Amino acid sequence: MIVGKPGTVLLDFDGVISPNASELLLTALHGAINRHTPVPFETTALLFKAITTFPARAGLGMVFDGLGLGGQFAAESAAIWQATDVGGVKYALAEGIREFCEGRTIRVCSTMDSSTPRRAIVDGLFGDADFLPIGHRSKADPATFTALQDELGELPRPWVLVDDSPLALRAAKLAGLTTVLMRGNVFSVEDTAPFATFIDAEVGSFAELAPLLETTEVFS
């Protein structure tokens, strides 16, 4: 049973550290696809939700190839990953995250490339060493979290994953982690409900997350 603060908190980047990032990336992907072929927003959303836990460029490449847009992938993917805003809206840092991180062991759990410019929003809060070495592994694969625990045995246990993707939470739960869903504007209740058995708790902000991590009920 956990008493007090958990050992290590893993924070997803898009949708958790940056709460508007998932929504902005979905908007950017929809625009990129529709510059070349008409696809309904609802279809883009389904594709986006499926690939967010996959290695970033591999997942995006699968979408473009599957839609017959492989020839446009290089230019469009570069535009998506290099952008620091979408339609003039910048990627934002979550309210209260700096206070939340004080006194806790935090690691960033993201499949984004190390050169991605939007990572700059965490400058002064997280450095390269604070990002888990996921590499080309998938966050939808329980083996990814099992391997990371073996590789980073020095990090205090237990580990808690905070993510907006139910697929990532499923994988983490199967690997023995505690899981917390961060509610956002991309994954709906209908999306997350089938994964209820893999989700230990739900929050909508870091203000809600902090007291939750001080309880023993969720993590026993």
Protein backbone atom coordinates (compact mmCIF):
# COMPACT_ATOMS: atom_id res chain seq x y z
CA MET A 1 0.00 0.00 0.00
CA ILE A 2 1.23 3.46 -0.88
CA VAL A 3 1.42 5.90 2.01
CA GLY A 4 1.78 9.54 1.02
CA LYS A 5 3.33 10.53 -2.30
CA PRO A 6 3.88 7.78 -4.88
CA GLY A 7 7.38 6.87 -5.96
CA THR A 8 7.59 8.15 -9.54
CA VAL A 9 4.93 10.00 -11.52
CA LEU A 10 5.05 9.60 -15.30
CA LEU A 11 3.40 12.51 -17.11
CA ASP A 12 2.29 12.32 -20.73
CA PHE A 13 3.28 15.42 -22.68
CA ASP A 14 0.47 15.97 -25.23
CA GLY A 15 -2.76 16.26 -23.29
CA VAL A 16 -1.27 16.36 -19.77
CA ILE A 17 1.84 18.54 -19.49
CA SER A 18 0.42 20.55 -22.40
CA PRO A 19 -3.37 20.16 -22.03
CA ASN A 20 -4.23 21.74 -25.39
CA ALA A 21 -1.59 19.82 -27.38
CA SER A 22 -3.72 16.80 -28.31
CA GLU A 23 -6.46 19.05 -29.63
CA LEU A 24 -4.00 21.22 -31.58
CA LEU A 25 -2.26 18.19 -33.10
CA LEU A 26 -5.60 16.74 -34.18
CA THR A 27 -6.49 20.06 -35.81
CA ALA A 28 -3.11 20.18 -37.56
CA LEU A 29 -3.45 16.60 -38.81
CA HIS A 30 -6.93 17.26 -40.16
CA GLY A 31 -5.71 20.32 -42.03
CA ALA A 32 -2.75 18.43 -43.46
CA ILE A 33 -4.90 15.58 -44.75
CA ASN A 34 -7.56 17.84 -46.22
CA ARG A 35 -5.04 19.85 -48.16
CA HIS A 36 -4.78 16.78 -50.37
CA THR A 37 -8.00 14.77 -50.01
CA PRO A 38 -11.38 15.38 -48.34
CA VAL A 39 -11.75 13.42 -45.09
CA PRO A 40 -14.41 14.18 -42.43
CA PHE A 41 -13.12 15.53 -39.12
CA GLU A 42 -14.68 12.58 -37.30
CA THR A 43 -12.58 10.17 -39.37
CA THR A 44 -9.40 12.13 -38.72
CA ALA A 45 -10.22 12.04 -35.00
CA LEU A 46 -10.60 8.26 -35.05
CA LEU A 47 -7.24 7.88 -36.77
CA PHE A 48 -5.56 10.35 -34.45
CA LYS A 49 -6.84 8.66 -31.30
CA ALA A 50 -5.54 5.32 -32.56
CA ILE A 51 -1.98 6.51 -33.23
CA THR A 52 -1.24 8.86 -30.31
CA THR A 53 0.43 6.11 -28.32
CA PHE A 54 2.45 4.75 -31.26
CA PRO A 55 5.97 5.99 -32.10
CA ALA A 56 5.19 9.48 -33.37
CA ARG A 57 6.50 9.45 -36.91
CA ALA A 58 5.63 5.80 -37.52
CA GLY A 59 2.02 6.37 -36.49
CA LEU A 60 1.65 9.46 -38.62
CA GLY A 61 3.29 7.73 -41.57
CA MET A 62 0.79 4.89 -41.30
CA VAL A 63 -2.09 7.36 -41.58
CA PHE A 64 -0.66 9.12 -44.63
CA ASP A 65 0.28 5.87 -46.35
CA GLY A 66 -3.13 4.38 -45.61
CA LEU A 67 -4.88 7.35 -47.20
CA GLY A 68 -2.67 7.23 -50.27
CA LEU A 69 -0.78 10.35 -49.23
CA GLY A 70 2.66 8.84 -48.74
CA GLY A 71 4.18 11.32 -51.16
CA GLN A 72 3.04 14.21 -48.97
CA PHE A 73 4.15 12.69 -45.68
CA ALA A 74 7.62 14.23 -45.42
CA ALA A 75 6.52 17.83 -45.91
CA GLU A 76 3.29 17.61 -43.93
CA SER A 77 4.77 15.71 -40.99
CA ALA A 78 7.64 18.19 -40.76
CA ALA A 79 5.14 21.05 -40.66
CA ILE A 80 3.13 19.36 -37.90
CA TRP A 81 6.08 18.44 -35.69
CA GLN A 82 8.04 21.68 -36.16
CA ALA A 83 5.14 24.02 -35.42
CA THR A 84 4.97 25.84 -32.09
CA ASP A 85 1.36 26.87 -32.69
CA VAL A 86 -1.66 25.78 -34.71
CA GLY A 87 -3.78 28.51 -36.25
CA GLY A 88 -2.11 31.04 -34.00
CA VAL A 89 -2.83 29.07 -30.81
CA LYS A 90 0.38 28.14 -29.02
CA TYR A 91 1.04 24.93 -27.12
CA ALA A 92 0.42 25.78 -23.49
CA LEU A 93 1.88 24.49 -20.24
CA ALA A 94 -0.68 23.11 -17.79
CA GLU A 95 -1.76 25.37 -14.96
CA GLY A 96 -0.26 24.40 -11.64
CA ILE A 97 2.27 21.92 -13.02
CA ARG A 98 5.31 23.68 -11.57
CA GLU A 99 3.85 23.56 -8.08
CA PHE A 100 2.80 19.95 -8.60
CA CYS A 101 6.32 18.84 -9.51
CA GLU A 102 7.89 20.25 -6.36
CA GLY A 103 9.06 17.46 -4.07
CA ARG A 104 8.06 14.68 -6.46
CA THR A 105 10.01 12.37 -8.73
CA ILE A 106 8.64 13.17 -12.19
CA ARG A 107 9.44 11.75 -15.60
CA VAL A 108 7.96 12.72 -18.97
CA CYS A 109 6.40 9.79 -20.81
CA SER A 110 6.16 10.77 -24.47
CA THR A 111 6.84 9.29 -27.90
CA MET A 112 7.76 12.64 -29.45
CA ASP A 113 11.19 13.14 -30.99
CA SER A 114 13.81 14.91 -28.88
CA SER A 115 14.08 17.65 -31.52
CA THR A 116 10.38 18.58 -31.41
CA PRO A 117 10.18 22.38 -30.87
CA ARG A 118 7.09 22.30 -28.64
CA ARG A 119 9.25 20.65 -25.98
CA ALA A 120 10.61 24.13 -25.34
CA ILE A 121 7.56 24.96 -23.22
CA VAL A 122 9.05 22.81 -20.44
CA ASP A 123 12.47 24.48 -20.50
CA GLY A 124 13.43 25.21 -16.91
CA LEU A 125 11.04 22.55 -15.66
CA PHE A 126 12.25 19.38 -17.39
CA GLY A 127 15.51 18.59 -19.13
CA ASP A 128 16.39 15.84 -21.59
CA ALA A 129 17.25 13.47 -18.74
CA ASP A 130 13.71 13.80 -17.40
CA PHE A 131 12.20 12.28 -20.57
CA LEU A 132 11.82 8.52 -20.44
CA PRO A 133 13.97 6.78 -23.09
CA ILE A 134 11.00 5.37 -24.98
CA GLY A 135 12.72 5.66 -28.35
CA HIS A 136 10.77 3.85 -31.07
CA ARG A 137 8.67 1.81 -28.64
CA SER A 138 4.89 2.09 -28.41
CA LYS A 139 3.01 3.30 -25.34
CA ALA A 140 0.18 0.94 -26.35
CA ASP A 141 2.47 -2.04 -25.65
CA PRO A 142 2.68 -3.23 -22.00
CA ALA A 143 6.20 -4.51 -22.74
CA THR A 144 7.34 -0.90 -23.14
CA PHE A 145 6.52 -0.11 -19.52
CA THR A 146 7.89 -3.42 -18.27
CA ALA A 147 11.17 -2.76 -20.06
CA LEU A 148 11.39 0.82 -18.80
CA GLN A 149 10.95 -0.35 -15.22
CA ASP A 150 13.78 -2.83 -15.70
CA GLU A 151 16.02 -0.25 -17.38
CA LEU A 152 15.32 2.48 -14.82
CA GLY A 153 15.32 0.43 -11.68
CA GLU A 154 16.83 3.31 -9.74
CA LEU A 155 13.61 5.34 -9.96
CA PRO A 156 11.51 4.96 -6.79
CA ARG A 157 8.49 2.66 -6.95
CA PRO A 158 5.64 2.44 -7.47
CA TRP A 159 5.19 4.18 -10.80
CA VAL A 160 2.02 6.11 -11.67
CA LEU A 161 1.16 7.03 -15.27
CA VAL A 162 -0.95 10.12 -15.94
CA ASP A 163 -2.15 10.15 -19.56
CA ASP A 164 -5.11 11.24 -21.67
CA SER A 165 -5.00 8.15 -23.90
CA PRO A 166 -6.87 5.06 -22.66
CA LEU A 167 -4.64 2.83 -24.81
CA ALA A 168 -1.56 4.03 -22.94
CA LEU A 169 -3.28 3.57 -19.59
CA ARG A 170 -4.30 0.04 -20.55
CA ALA A 171 -0.70 -0.88 -21.38
CA ALA A 172 0.64 0.67 -18.19
CA LYS A 173 -1.94 -1.10 -16.04
CA LEU A 174 -1.10 -4.46 -17.61
CA ALA A 175 2.55 -3.75 -16.77
CA GLY A 176 1.68 -3.21 -13.12
CA LEU A 177 1.57 0.60 -12.95
CA THR A 178 -1.10 2.69 -11.29
CA THR A 179 -3.04 4.69 -13.89
CA VAL A 180 -4.73 8.09 -13.84
CA LEU A 181 -6.73 9.46 -16.75
CA MET A 182 -6.33 13.18 -17.39
CA ARG A 183 -9.61 14.27 -18.96
CA GLY A 184 -9.33 16.53 -22.00
CA ASN A 185 -11.05 17.64 -25.19
CA VAL A 186 -10.01 14.83 -27.52
CA PHE A 187 -10.79 11.53 -25.81
CA SER A 188 -14.48 11.44 -24.87
CA VAL A 189 -16.26 9.51 -22.13
CA GLU A 190 -17.34 7.07 -24.84
CA ASP A 191 -13.70 6.57 -25.79
CA THR A 192 -12.50 5.90 -22.25
CA ALA A 193 -15.45 3.95 -20.81
CA PRO A 194 -14.45 0.58 -22.37
CA PHE A 195 -11.07 0.92 -20.60
CA ALA A 196 -12.54 1.44 -17.12
CA THR A 197 -10.88 -1.67 -15.69
CA PHE A 198 -7.47 -0.26 -16.65
CA ILE A 199 -8.00 3.20 -15.15
CA ASP A 200 -7.55 3.63 -11.40
CA ALA A 201 -8.68 7.26 -11.22
CA GLU A 202 -9.67 10.28 -13.32
CA VAL A 203 -8.77 13.95 -12.89
CA GLY A 204 -9.25 17.13 -14.86
CA SER A 205 -6.26 19.16 -13.66
CA PHE A 206 -3.09 19.10 -11.61
CA ALA A 207 -5.05 20.74 -8.80
CA GLU A 208 -7.16 17.57 -8.69
CA LEU A 209 -4.21 15.24 -9.20
CA ALA A 210 -2.09 16.50 -6.29
CA PRO A 211 -4.47 15.55 -3.46
CA LEU A 212 -5.36 12.30 -5.19
CA LEU A 213 -1.75 11.18 -5.05
CA GLU A 214 -1.71 11.76 -1.29
CA THR A 215 -4.44 9.16 -0.70
CA THR A 216 -4.02 5.46 -0.12
CA GLU A 217 -7.36 4.25 -1.44
CA VAL A 218 -6.56 4.58 -5.14
CA PHE A 219 -3.14 2.98 -4.88
CA SER A 220 -3.70 0.13 -2.43
